[in-house]
Each structure stands twice: as structure tokens, then as C-alpha cells.
Amino acid sequence: MLDRRRKLIIAMDAAFGMEYLHSKSIVHFDLKCDNLLVNLRDPQRPICKVGDFGLSRIKRNTLVSGGVRGTLPWMAPELLNGSSSRVSEKVDVFSFGIVLWEILTGEEPYANMHCGAIIGGIVNNTLRPLIPENCDREWRKLMEQCWSANPNARPSFTEVTDRLRAMPAVLQPRAQTPGNR
């Protein structure tokens, strides 16, 4: 089980990677925990890199044709409802909101649901993962803003990284004292 500090470091590393991709006008299209490469060898400082760029060749605001791109539970509503044939980096921000939930819970979203129910729920904005009651307020707010149905309401990855960086206890492990060893 990962503690809050290590979860935050993993989320920050993933967000930094996505911020870099977007700075190069690259949209990933398949951001999910299965595509994050996490090294936990150092118990104090996990390292996370974004991987699997198989769908990431399309540039920002580029026409999408030839079918749906991504993995269903992580797909933004605009990719499923046909509201626009043009995509932006905001589809990755939606996926990152779901990734934040995965990092928080250690679970896969909508694991026991049928594909049709997932599509309908995402498109109709009636389905998002259930947030545990013990979730930090700032983490919750960031997740909810990332998975907003409105792409314009989603933050950029620069804002995401700034907000994650501002969350307390990000990089400093607890000092070892005789009482907490």
C-alpha cells in the first residue's frame, strides 16, 4: 500500500510527463495507470514515467477519424459522443482525473460494469468513480475538475502540476525519530 506522500509523487511525475508532451503539442489519448511505468525501488522516492505512445501521434486540435481512440473508462465524453471531430489536450486531462482516482484507490474504474453502461454514463455525465470519504479536499477538487464534462473547465497540465506541487507533504519524508521507527 502506498502512503499519501508517495501517491502524490507518482501523480506529480505523471503530470510533469504530460505537461512535457502537451508542450510539444502531443496528445497521448490513452493515459491510464496501466500506461504509467512506476519504479518503487527507492522506498522514499518512487519514480513514474508515462509510457505507451501507440495512440499519441495526433497533434492538438487535429481531426480525429477512423474510430475511437483510447480505453473506455478513461475516455473523455467528447471522444464518445461525437460532439466534435477535433480534439485537444483536454482529453488527456479528463483521463488524468481518472488516473488520480486510480492512484488514490488502487482500483480500476467501473471494473464490474458493462461497456454500454460506461459509455452512456460518461457521455451523459452521470458516471464518475465514487470518491472515498477520506480523500483530501484538494485532491478531490482536482480530480473533479479534471474529469469535468466540459473540456474548457478542465485545467491545463501546467495548472495540474502547480496544484499537485502545492499539496502538503509532497517531497519530504517524515524524519526518523526514536518514536516513529
N, C-alpha and C. Protein backbone atom coordinates (compact mmCIF):
# COMPACT_ATOMS: atom_id res chain seq x y z
N MET A 1 0.85 -1.19 0.00
CA MET A 1 0.00 0.00 0.00
C MET A 1 0.89 1.25 0.00
N LEU A 2 0.58 2.16 -0.87
CA LEU A 2 1.35 3.40 -0.95
C LEU A 2 0.78 4.43 0.01
N ASP A 3 1.67 5.15 0.69
CA ASP A 3 1.19 6.23 1.54
C ASP A 3 0.87 7.46 0.69
N ARG A 4 0.25 8.43 1.32
CA ARG A 4 -0.21 9.63 0.62
C ARG A 4 0.93 10.36 -0.08
N ARG A 5 2.07 10.45 0.59
CA ARG A 5 3.21 11.17 0.02
C ARG A 5 3.69 10.52 -1.27
N ARG A 6 3.80 9.20 -1.27
CA ARG A 6 4.26 8.50 -2.48
C ARG A 6 3.22 8.56 -3.59
N LYS A 7 1.94 8.51 -3.24
CA LYS A 7 0.89 8.66 -4.25
C LYS A 7 0.99 10.03 -4.91
N LEU A 8 1.25 11.04 -4.10
CA LEU A 8 1.37 12.40 -4.61
C LEU A 8 2.58 12.55 -5.53
N ILE A 9 3.69 11.91 -5.17
CA ILE A 9 4.89 11.96 -6.01
C ILE A 9 4.62 11.29 -7.35
N ILE A 10 3.95 10.15 -7.34
CA ILE A 10 3.62 9.44 -8.59
C ILE A 10 2.71 10.31 -9.45
N ALA A 11 1.70 10.91 -8.83
CA ALA A 11 0.79 11.79 -9.59
C ALA A 11 1.55 12.97 -10.18
N MET A 12 2.46 13.56 -9.40
CA MET A 12 3.24 14.69 -9.90
C MET A 12 4.12 14.28 -11.07
N ASP A 13 4.80 13.15 -10.95
CA ASP A 13 5.67 12.69 -12.04
C ASP A 13 4.86 12.48 -13.32
N ALA A 14 3.69 11.85 -13.20
CA ALA A 14 2.83 11.62 -14.37
C ALA A 14 2.39 12.96 -14.96
N ALA A 15 2.01 13.89 -14.10
CA ALA A 15 1.56 15.21 -14.58
C ALA A 15 2.71 15.96 -15.26
N PHE A 16 3.92 15.87 -14.71
CA PHE A 16 5.07 16.51 -15.35
C PHE A 16 5.31 15.92 -16.74
N GLY A 17 5.19 14.60 -16.86
CA GLY A 17 5.36 13.96 -18.16
C GLY A 17 4.32 14.43 -19.15
N MET A 18 3.08 14.54 -18.71
CA MET A 18 2.01 15.00 -19.59
C MET A 18 2.18 16.47 -19.94
N GLU A 19 2.65 17.27 -18.99
CA GLU A 19 2.90 18.68 -19.28
C GLU A 19 3.95 18.80 -20.39
N TYR A 20 4.97 17.96 -20.33
CA TYR A 20 6.00 17.97 -21.37
C TYR A 20 5.41 17.57 -22.72
N LEU A 21 4.64 16.48 -22.77
CA LEU A 21 4.02 16.05 -24.03
C LEU A 21 3.18 17.17 -24.63
N HIS A 22 2.36 17.80 -23.80
CA HIS A 22 1.49 18.86 -24.30
C HIS A 22 2.30 20.07 -24.76
N SER A 23 3.45 20.31 -24.14
CA SER A 23 4.30 21.43 -24.59
C SER A 23 4.84 21.18 -26.00
N LYS A 24 4.85 19.91 -26.40
CA LYS A 24 5.29 19.52 -27.74
C LYS A 24 4.09 19.27 -28.66
N SER A 25 2.91 19.70 -28.22
CA SER A 25 1.65 19.55 -28.98
C SER A 25 1.30 18.09 -29.26
N ILE A 26 1.62 17.22 -28.33
CA ILE A 26 1.30 15.80 -28.45
C ILE A 26 0.17 15.45 -27.49
N VAL A 27 -0.86 14.80 -28.00
CA VAL A 27 -1.96 14.29 -27.19
C VAL A 27 -1.74 12.79 -27.04
N HIS A 28 -1.76 12.28 -25.81
CA HIS A 28 -1.46 10.87 -25.55
C HIS A 28 -2.61 9.95 -25.97
N PHE A 29 -3.83 10.29 -25.60
CA PHE A 29 -5.06 9.55 -25.93
C PHE A 29 -5.29 8.28 -25.14
N ASP A 30 -4.33 7.78 -24.39
CA ASP A 30 -4.55 6.52 -23.67
C ASP A 30 -3.90 6.56 -22.30
N LEU A 31 -4.05 7.69 -21.62
CA LEU A 31 -3.47 7.84 -20.29
C LEU A 31 -4.29 7.05 -19.28
N LYS A 32 -3.63 6.15 -18.58
CA LYS A 32 -4.24 5.33 -17.52
C LYS A 32 -3.10 4.75 -16.71
N CYS A 33 -3.39 4.23 -15.52
CA CYS A 33 -2.32 3.70 -14.66
C CYS A 33 -1.55 2.56 -15.33
N ASP A 34 -2.22 1.76 -16.15
CA ASP A 34 -1.52 0.69 -16.85
C ASP A 34 -0.43 1.23 -17.77
N ASN A 35 -0.51 2.49 -18.15
CA ASN A 35 0.49 3.10 -19.03
C ASN A 35 1.45 4.01 -18.28
N LEU A 36 1.46 3.89 -16.97
CA LEU A 36 2.46 4.59 -16.15
C LEU A 36 3.48 3.58 -15.69
N LEU A 37 4.74 3.87 -15.93
CA LEU A 37 5.83 2.99 -15.52
C LEU A 37 6.34 3.51 -14.18
N VAL A 38 6.12 2.72 -13.12
CA VAL A 38 6.44 3.17 -11.76
C VAL A 38 7.54 2.29 -11.17
N ASN A 39 8.61 2.93 -10.71
CA ASN A 39 9.71 2.24 -10.05
C ASN A 39 9.63 2.56 -8.56
N LEU A 40 9.41 1.53 -7.75
CA LEU A 40 9.28 1.71 -6.30
C LEU A 40 10.52 1.23 -5.55
N ARG A 41 11.64 1.06 -6.26
CA ARG A 41 12.84 0.52 -5.62
C ARG A 41 13.28 1.39 -4.44
N ASP A 42 13.29 2.70 -4.62
CA ASP A 42 13.62 3.61 -3.52
C ASP A 42 12.35 3.83 -2.71
N PRO A 43 12.29 3.34 -1.47
CA PRO A 43 11.06 3.46 -0.69
C PRO A 43 10.66 4.91 -0.38
N GLN A 44 11.61 5.83 -0.46
CA GLN A 44 11.30 7.23 -0.17
C GLN A 44 10.90 8.02 -1.41
N ARG A 45 11.36 7.59 -2.59
CA ARG A 45 11.11 8.40 -3.78
C ARG A 45 10.80 7.51 -4.99
N PRO A 46 9.51 7.18 -5.16
CA PRO A 46 9.14 6.43 -6.37
C PRO A 46 9.38 7.30 -7.60
N ILE A 47 9.58 6.63 -8.72
CA ILE A 47 9.76 7.33 -10.00
C ILE A 47 8.69 6.84 -10.95
N CYS A 48 8.02 7.78 -11.62
CA CYS A 48 6.94 7.44 -12.54
C CYS A 48 7.19 8.10 -13.89
N LYS A 49 7.06 7.32 -14.93
CA LYS A 49 7.19 7.82 -16.31
C LYS A 49 5.95 7.43 -17.10
N VAL A 50 5.53 8.28 -18.00
CA VAL A 50 4.40 7.99 -18.88
C VAL A 50 4.90 7.12 -20.03
N GLY A 51 4.17 6.04 -20.33
CA GLY A 51 4.56 5.15 -21.41
C GLY A 51 3.41 4.90 -22.38
N ASP A 52 3.63 4.00 -23.31
CA ASP A 52 2.68 3.57 -24.34
C ASP A 52 2.17 4.74 -25.17
N PHE A 53 2.96 5.09 -26.15
CA PHE A 53 2.62 6.21 -27.02
C PHE A 53 2.00 5.75 -28.34
N GLY A 54 1.42 4.56 -28.35
CA GLY A 54 0.86 3.99 -29.56
C GLY A 54 -0.24 4.82 -30.21
N LEU A 55 -0.99 5.58 -29.41
CA LEU A 55 -2.09 6.40 -29.94
C LEU A 55 -1.75 7.88 -29.93
N SER A 56 -0.53 8.24 -29.60
CA SER A 56 -0.22 9.65 -29.33
C SER A 56 0.33 10.43 -30.52
N ARG A 57 0.12 9.96 -31.71
CA ARG A 57 0.69 10.66 -32.87
C ARG A 57 -0.11 11.87 -33.31
N ILE A 58 -1.36 11.95 -32.90
CA ILE A 58 -2.21 13.05 -33.34
C ILE A 58 -1.89 14.30 -32.53
N LYS A 59 -1.75 15.40 -33.20
CA LYS A 59 -1.42 16.66 -32.55
C LYS A 59 -2.68 17.37 -32.04
N ARG A 60 -2.48 18.30 -31.17
CA ARG A 60 -3.56 19.09 -30.58
C ARG A 60 -4.44 19.74 -31.65
N ASN A 61 -5.74 19.75 -31.40
CA ASN A 61 -6.74 20.34 -32.31
C ASN A 61 -6.71 19.73 -33.71
N THR A 62 -6.39 18.47 -33.77
CA THR A 62 -6.32 17.75 -35.04
C THR A 62 -7.59 16.94 -35.22
N LEU A 63 -7.97 16.76 -36.46
CA LEU A 63 -9.15 15.99 -36.81
C LEU A 63 -8.95 14.53 -36.42
N VAL A 64 -9.94 13.95 -35.76
CA VAL A 64 -9.92 12.54 -35.41
C VAL A 64 -10.84 11.82 -36.36
N SER A 65 -10.32 10.81 -37.03
CA SER A 65 -11.17 10.00 -37.90
C SER A 65 -10.73 8.55 -37.78
N GLY A 66 -11.56 7.65 -38.28
CA GLY A 66 -11.20 6.25 -38.27
C GLY A 66 -11.44 5.56 -36.95
N GLY A 67 -12.39 6.02 -36.18
CA GLY A 67 -12.76 5.31 -34.96
C GLY A 67 -12.31 6.00 -33.69
N VAL A 68 -12.68 5.35 -32.59
CA VAL A 68 -12.45 5.88 -31.26
C VAL A 68 -11.02 5.58 -30.84
N ARG A 69 -10.41 6.49 -30.08
CA ARG A 69 -9.05 6.30 -29.59
C ARG A 69 -9.05 6.33 -28.07
N GLY A 70 -8.40 5.34 -27.47
CA GLY A 70 -8.27 5.31 -26.03
C GLY A 70 -8.86 4.05 -25.43
N THR A 71 -8.94 4.03 -24.10
CA THR A 71 -9.51 2.91 -23.36
C THR A 71 -10.74 3.43 -22.63
N LEU A 72 -11.83 2.74 -22.77
CA LEU A 72 -13.15 3.24 -22.40
C LEU A 72 -13.27 3.96 -21.05
N PRO A 73 -12.94 3.37 -19.92
CA PRO A 73 -13.18 4.10 -18.66
C PRO A 73 -12.44 5.42 -18.52
N TRP A 74 -11.39 5.60 -19.30
CA TRP A 74 -10.56 6.81 -19.21
C TRP A 74 -10.86 7.81 -20.32
N MET A 75 -11.81 7.50 -21.18
CA MET A 75 -12.08 8.36 -22.35
C MET A 75 -12.96 9.54 -22.00
N ALA A 76 -12.59 10.70 -22.50
CA ALA A 76 -13.37 11.92 -22.29
C ALA A 76 -14.69 11.84 -23.06
N PRO A 77 -15.73 12.48 -22.52
CA PRO A 77 -17.04 12.43 -23.18
C PRO A 77 -17.00 12.88 -24.64
N GLU A 78 -16.19 13.89 -24.95
CA GLU A 78 -16.16 14.40 -26.32
C GLU A 78 -15.60 13.38 -27.31
N LEU A 79 -14.87 12.38 -26.82
CA LEU A 79 -14.40 11.31 -27.71
C LEU A 79 -15.48 10.27 -27.97
N LEU A 80 -16.46 10.21 -27.07
CA LEU A 80 -17.50 9.19 -27.17
C LEU A 80 -18.80 9.70 -27.79
N ASN A 81 -19.09 10.98 -27.63
CA ASN A 81 -20.41 11.47 -28.05
C ASN A 81 -20.42 12.10 -29.44
N GLY A 82 -19.28 12.18 -30.09
CA GLY A 82 -19.23 12.73 -31.44
C GLY A 82 -19.50 14.22 -31.50
N SER A 83 -19.37 14.92 -30.36
CA SER A 83 -19.68 16.35 -30.33
C SER A 83 -18.68 17.16 -31.14
N SER A 84 -17.50 16.61 -31.34
CA SER A 84 -16.51 17.33 -32.13
C SER A 84 -15.55 16.32 -32.75
N SER A 85 -15.21 16.55 -33.98
CA SER A 85 -14.20 15.70 -34.62
C SER A 85 -12.80 16.25 -34.38
N ARG A 86 -12.72 17.41 -33.72
CA ARG A 86 -11.43 17.99 -33.36
C ARG A 86 -11.19 17.74 -31.88
N VAL A 87 -9.97 17.37 -31.57
CA VAL A 87 -9.63 17.06 -30.18
C VAL A 87 -8.58 18.04 -29.69
N SER A 88 -8.47 18.13 -28.37
CA SER A 88 -7.44 18.95 -27.76
C SER A 88 -6.78 18.13 -26.67
N GLU A 89 -5.78 18.72 -26.05
CA GLU A 89 -5.08 18.06 -24.95
C GLU A 89 -6.00 17.82 -23.76
N LYS A 90 -7.17 18.44 -23.75
CA LYS A 90 -8.10 18.28 -22.63
C LYS A 90 -8.62 16.85 -22.50
N VAL A 91 -8.53 16.04 -23.57
CA VAL A 91 -8.92 14.63 -23.43
C VAL A 91 -7.96 13.91 -22.48
N ASP A 92 -6.69 14.29 -22.49
CA ASP A 92 -5.71 13.70 -21.57
C ASP A 92 -5.96 14.17 -20.14
N VAL A 93 -6.40 15.41 -19.97
CA VAL A 93 -6.69 15.93 -18.64
C VAL A 93 -7.85 15.15 -18.03
N PHE A 94 -8.89 14.87 -18.83
CA PHE A 94 -10.00 14.04 -18.34
C PHE A 94 -9.46 12.70 -17.86
N SER A 95 -8.66 12.05 -18.69
CA SER A 95 -8.09 10.75 -18.32
C SER A 95 -7.27 10.85 -17.04
N PHE A 96 -6.54 11.95 -16.88
CA PHE A 96 -5.72 12.12 -15.68
C PHE A 96 -6.58 12.20 -14.43
N GLY A 97 -7.76 12.78 -14.53
CA GLY A 97 -8.67 12.78 -13.38
C GLY A 97 -9.00 11.37 -12.94
N ILE A 98 -9.22 10.48 -13.91
CA ILE A 98 -9.49 9.07 -13.59
C ILE A 98 -8.23 8.42 -13.04
N VAL A 99 -7.06 8.77 -13.58
CA VAL A 99 -5.79 8.25 -13.08
C VAL A 99 -5.58 8.67 -11.62
N LEU A 100 -5.92 9.90 -11.28
CA LEU A 100 -5.81 10.34 -9.88
C LEU A 100 -6.65 9.46 -8.97
N TRP A 101 -7.85 9.10 -9.43
CA TRP A 101 -8.72 8.21 -8.66
C TRP A 101 -8.07 6.84 -8.53
N GLU A 102 -7.48 6.32 -9.61
CA GLU A 102 -6.80 5.02 -9.57
C GLU A 102 -5.64 5.04 -8.57
N ILE A 103 -4.84 6.11 -8.61
CA ILE A 103 -3.72 6.23 -7.68
C ILE A 103 -4.23 6.26 -6.25
N LEU A 104 -5.30 7.00 -6.02
CA LEU A 104 -5.89 7.13 -4.69
C LEU A 104 -6.40 5.80 -4.16
N THR A 105 -7.14 5.07 -4.99
CA THR A 105 -7.85 3.86 -4.51
C THR A 105 -7.12 2.55 -4.79
N GLY A 106 -6.25 2.54 -5.80
CA GLY A 106 -5.61 1.29 -6.19
C GLY A 106 -6.54 0.37 -6.96
N GLU A 107 -7.66 0.89 -7.42
CA GLU A 107 -8.66 0.09 -8.13
C GLU A 107 -8.79 0.53 -9.58
N GLU A 108 -9.42 -0.33 -10.39
CA GLU A 108 -9.73 0.02 -11.77
C GLU A 108 -11.14 0.60 -11.82
N PRO A 109 -11.33 1.71 -12.52
CA PRO A 109 -12.67 2.32 -12.56
C PRO A 109 -13.68 1.44 -13.30
N TYR A 110 -14.87 1.37 -12.75
CA TYR A 110 -16.01 0.70 -13.39
C TYR A 110 -15.72 -0.76 -13.72
N ALA A 111 -14.94 -1.44 -12.87
CA ALA A 111 -14.48 -2.79 -13.16
C ALA A 111 -15.62 -3.78 -13.38
N ASN A 112 -16.74 -3.60 -12.73
CA ASN A 112 -17.84 -4.57 -12.83
C ASN A 112 -18.99 -4.08 -13.69
N MET A 113 -18.74 -3.09 -14.53
CA MET A 113 -19.82 -2.53 -15.35
C MET A 113 -19.68 -2.96 -16.81
N HIS A 114 -20.81 -3.06 -17.49
CA HIS A 114 -20.86 -3.38 -18.91
C HIS A 114 -20.44 -2.15 -19.71
N CYS A 115 -19.80 -2.38 -20.86
CA CYS A 115 -19.29 -1.28 -21.71
C CYS A 115 -20.37 -0.27 -22.06
N GLY A 116 -21.56 -0.74 -22.40
CA GLY A 116 -22.65 0.17 -22.78
C GLY A 116 -23.02 1.11 -21.65
N ALA A 117 -23.04 0.59 -20.43
CA ALA A 117 -23.37 1.43 -19.27
C ALA A 117 -22.28 2.46 -19.02
N ILE A 118 -21.04 2.08 -19.23
CA ILE A 118 -19.93 3.02 -19.05
C ILE A 118 -20.02 4.14 -20.08
N ILE A 119 -20.22 3.77 -21.34
CA ILE A 119 -20.33 4.79 -22.39
C ILE A 119 -21.47 5.75 -22.09
N GLY A 120 -22.64 5.21 -21.80
CA GLY A 120 -23.80 6.06 -21.52
C GLY A 120 -23.57 6.97 -20.33
N GLY A 121 -22.96 6.44 -19.28
CA GLY A 121 -22.71 7.23 -18.08
C GLY A 121 -21.72 8.35 -18.30
N ILE A 122 -20.66 8.06 -19.05
CA ILE A 122 -19.66 9.10 -19.33
C ILE A 122 -20.25 10.18 -20.22
N VAL A 123 -20.91 9.76 -21.29
CA VAL A 123 -21.47 10.72 -22.24
C VAL A 123 -22.54 11.59 -21.59
N ASN A 124 -23.38 11.00 -20.75
CA ASN A 124 -24.47 11.74 -20.10
C ASN A 124 -24.04 12.45 -18.83
N ASN A 125 -22.76 12.34 -18.49
CA ASN A 125 -22.21 12.96 -17.29
C ASN A 125 -22.89 12.48 -16.01
N THR A 126 -23.29 11.21 -16.01
CA THR A 126 -23.91 10.62 -14.82
C THR A 126 -23.00 9.59 -14.17
N LEU A 127 -21.82 9.38 -14.73
CA LEU A 127 -20.92 8.35 -14.21
C LEU A 127 -19.52 8.91 -14.04
N ARG A 128 -19.07 8.90 -12.81
CA ARG A 128 -17.68 9.16 -12.47
C ARG A 128 -17.38 8.22 -11.30
N PRO A 129 -16.11 7.88 -11.09
CA PRO A 129 -15.79 6.97 -9.98
C PRO A 129 -16.21 7.56 -8.63
N LEU A 130 -16.61 6.68 -7.73
CA LEU A 130 -17.01 7.08 -6.38
C LEU A 130 -15.76 7.46 -5.59
N ILE A 131 -15.75 8.67 -5.07
CA ILE A 131 -14.59 9.17 -4.34
C ILE A 131 -14.71 8.77 -2.87
N PRO A 132 -13.68 8.11 -2.32
CA PRO A 132 -13.73 7.73 -0.91
C PRO A 132 -13.88 8.95 0.00
N GLU A 133 -14.56 8.76 1.11
CA GLU A 133 -14.80 9.86 2.05
C GLU A 133 -13.51 10.42 2.62
N ASN A 134 -12.48 9.59 2.75
CA ASN A 134 -11.23 10.06 3.35
C ASN A 134 -10.30 10.77 2.36
N CYS A 135 -10.78 11.06 1.17
CA CYS A 135 -9.98 11.75 0.16
C CYS A 135 -9.73 13.20 0.59
N ASP A 136 -8.48 13.63 0.45
CA ASP A 136 -8.14 15.02 0.75
C ASP A 136 -8.96 15.97 -0.12
N ARG A 137 -9.36 17.09 0.44
CA ARG A 137 -10.21 18.05 -0.26
C ARG A 137 -9.57 18.55 -1.56
N GLU A 138 -8.29 18.88 -1.53
CA GLU A 138 -7.63 19.41 -2.73
C GLU A 138 -7.50 18.35 -3.82
N TRP A 139 -7.21 17.11 -3.42
CA TRP A 139 -7.11 16.00 -4.38
C TRP A 139 -8.48 15.80 -5.04
N ARG A 140 -9.53 15.82 -4.22
CA ARG A 140 -10.90 15.66 -4.73
C ARG A 140 -11.25 16.77 -5.73
N LYS A 141 -10.96 18.01 -5.36
CA LYS A 141 -11.28 19.14 -6.24
C LYS A 141 -10.54 19.01 -7.57
N LEU A 142 -9.28 18.61 -7.51
CA LEU A 142 -8.50 18.47 -8.75
C LEU A 142 -9.07 17.35 -9.62
N MET A 143 -9.37 16.20 -9.03
CA MET A 143 -9.97 15.09 -9.79
C MET A 143 -11.25 15.54 -10.47
N GLU A 144 -12.12 16.16 -9.70
CA GLU A 144 -13.43 16.56 -10.24
C GLU A 144 -13.29 17.59 -11.35
N GLN A 145 -12.34 18.51 -11.21
CA GLN A 145 -12.15 19.49 -12.28
C GLN A 145 -11.56 18.83 -13.52
N CYS A 146 -10.63 17.90 -13.33
CA CYS A 146 -10.03 17.20 -14.47
C CYS A 146 -11.08 16.40 -15.25
N TRP A 147 -12.00 15.75 -14.55
CA TRP A 147 -12.98 14.92 -15.26
C TRP A 147 -14.29 15.66 -15.54
N SER A 148 -14.22 16.96 -15.56
CA SER A 148 -15.40 17.76 -15.92
C SER A 148 -15.89 17.36 -17.31
N ALA A 149 -17.21 17.38 -17.49
CA ALA A 149 -17.79 17.08 -18.80
C ALA A 149 -17.42 18.16 -19.82
N ASN A 150 -17.17 19.37 -19.35
CA ASN A 150 -16.83 20.49 -20.23
C ASN A 150 -15.31 20.59 -20.38
N PRO A 151 -14.78 20.32 -21.57
CA PRO A 151 -13.32 20.40 -21.75
C PRO A 151 -12.73 21.75 -21.35
N ASN A 152 -13.46 22.83 -21.55
CA ASN A 152 -12.95 24.16 -21.21
C ASN A 152 -12.84 24.38 -19.71
N ALA A 153 -13.55 23.57 -18.92
CA ALA A 153 -13.48 23.69 -17.47
C ALA A 153 -12.30 22.90 -16.88
N ARG A 154 -11.69 22.07 -17.69
CA ARG A 154 -10.56 21.26 -17.22
C ARG A 154 -9.29 22.11 -17.20
N PRO A 155 -8.44 21.91 -16.19
CA PRO A 155 -7.19 22.67 -16.13
C PRO A 155 -6.19 22.18 -17.17
N SER A 156 -5.18 22.99 -17.42
CA SER A 156 -4.05 22.55 -18.24
C SER A 156 -3.15 21.69 -17.34
N PHE A 157 -2.22 20.96 -17.94
CA PHE A 157 -1.29 20.19 -17.10
C PHE A 157 -0.33 21.10 -16.35
N THR A 158 -0.09 22.30 -16.82
CA THR A 158 0.71 23.25 -16.05
C THR A 158 -0.01 23.59 -14.76
N GLU A 159 -1.32 23.84 -14.84
CA GLU A 159 -2.10 24.10 -13.63
C GLU A 159 -2.17 22.86 -12.75
N VAL A 160 -2.32 21.69 -13.35
CA VAL A 160 -2.37 20.45 -12.57
C VAL A 160 -1.08 20.28 -11.78
N THR A 161 0.08 20.47 -12.43
CA THR A 161 1.34 20.30 -11.72
C THR A 161 1.50 21.34 -10.61
N ASP A 162 1.08 22.56 -10.87
CA ASP A 162 1.15 23.60 -9.83
C ASP A 162 0.30 23.22 -8.63
N ARG A 163 -0.90 22.71 -8.88
CA ARG A 163 -1.80 22.35 -7.78
C ARG A 163 -1.29 21.13 -7.02
N LEU A 164 -0.74 20.15 -7.72
CA LEU A 164 -0.17 19.00 -7.02
C LEU A 164 1.03 19.42 -6.18
N ARG A 165 1.86 20.29 -6.73
CA ARG A 165 3.04 20.78 -6.01
C ARG A 165 2.64 21.52 -4.73
N ALA A 166 1.49 22.17 -4.76
CA ALA A 166 1.04 22.95 -3.60
C ALA A 166 0.42 22.08 -2.51
N MET A 167 0.14 20.83 -2.82
CA MET A 167 -0.44 19.96 -1.79
C MET A 167 0.63 19.65 -0.75
N PRO A 168 0.26 19.62 0.52
CA PRO A 168 1.24 19.45 1.59
C PRO A 168 1.91 18.08 1.58
N ALA A 169 3.11 18.05 2.16
CA ALA A 169 3.88 16.81 2.38
C ALA A 169 4.22 16.08 1.09
N VAL A 170 4.55 16.84 0.06
CA VAL A 170 4.81 16.19 -1.23
C VAL A 170 6.15 15.46 -1.23
N LEU A 171 7.22 16.15 -0.97
CA LEU A 171 8.53 15.55 -1.19
C LEU A 171 9.30 15.21 0.07
N GLN A 172 8.90 15.68 1.20
CA GLN A 172 9.67 15.45 2.41
C GLN A 172 9.15 14.24 3.18
N PRO A 173 9.94 13.14 3.22
CA PRO A 173 9.52 12.02 4.06
C PRO A 173 9.61 12.41 5.52
N ARG A 174 8.84 11.73 6.35
CA ARG A 174 8.91 12.01 7.78
C ARG A 174 10.30 11.70 8.30
N ALA A 175 10.81 12.59 9.11
CA ALA A 175 12.13 12.37 9.71
C ALA A 175 12.06 11.19 10.66
N GLN A 176 13.10 10.38 10.66
CA GLN A 176 13.15 9.24 11.57
C GLN A 176 13.53 9.73 12.96
N THR A 177 12.67 9.46 13.91
CA THR A 177 12.95 9.77 15.30
C THR A 177 12.76 8.48 16.08
N PRO A 178 13.31 8.40 17.28
CA PRO A 178 13.17 7.16 18.05
C PRO A 178 11.70 6.74 18.22
N GLY A 179 10.78 7.69 18.23
CA GLY A 179 9.37 7.36 18.45
C GLY A 179 8.63 6.85 17.24
N ASN A 180 9.14 7.04 16.01
CA ASN A 180 8.37 6.61 14.84
C ASN A 180 9.13 5.63 13.95
N ARG A 181 10.07 4.92 14.51
CA ARG A 181 10.83 3.93 13.71
C ARG A 181 10.09 2.64 13.63
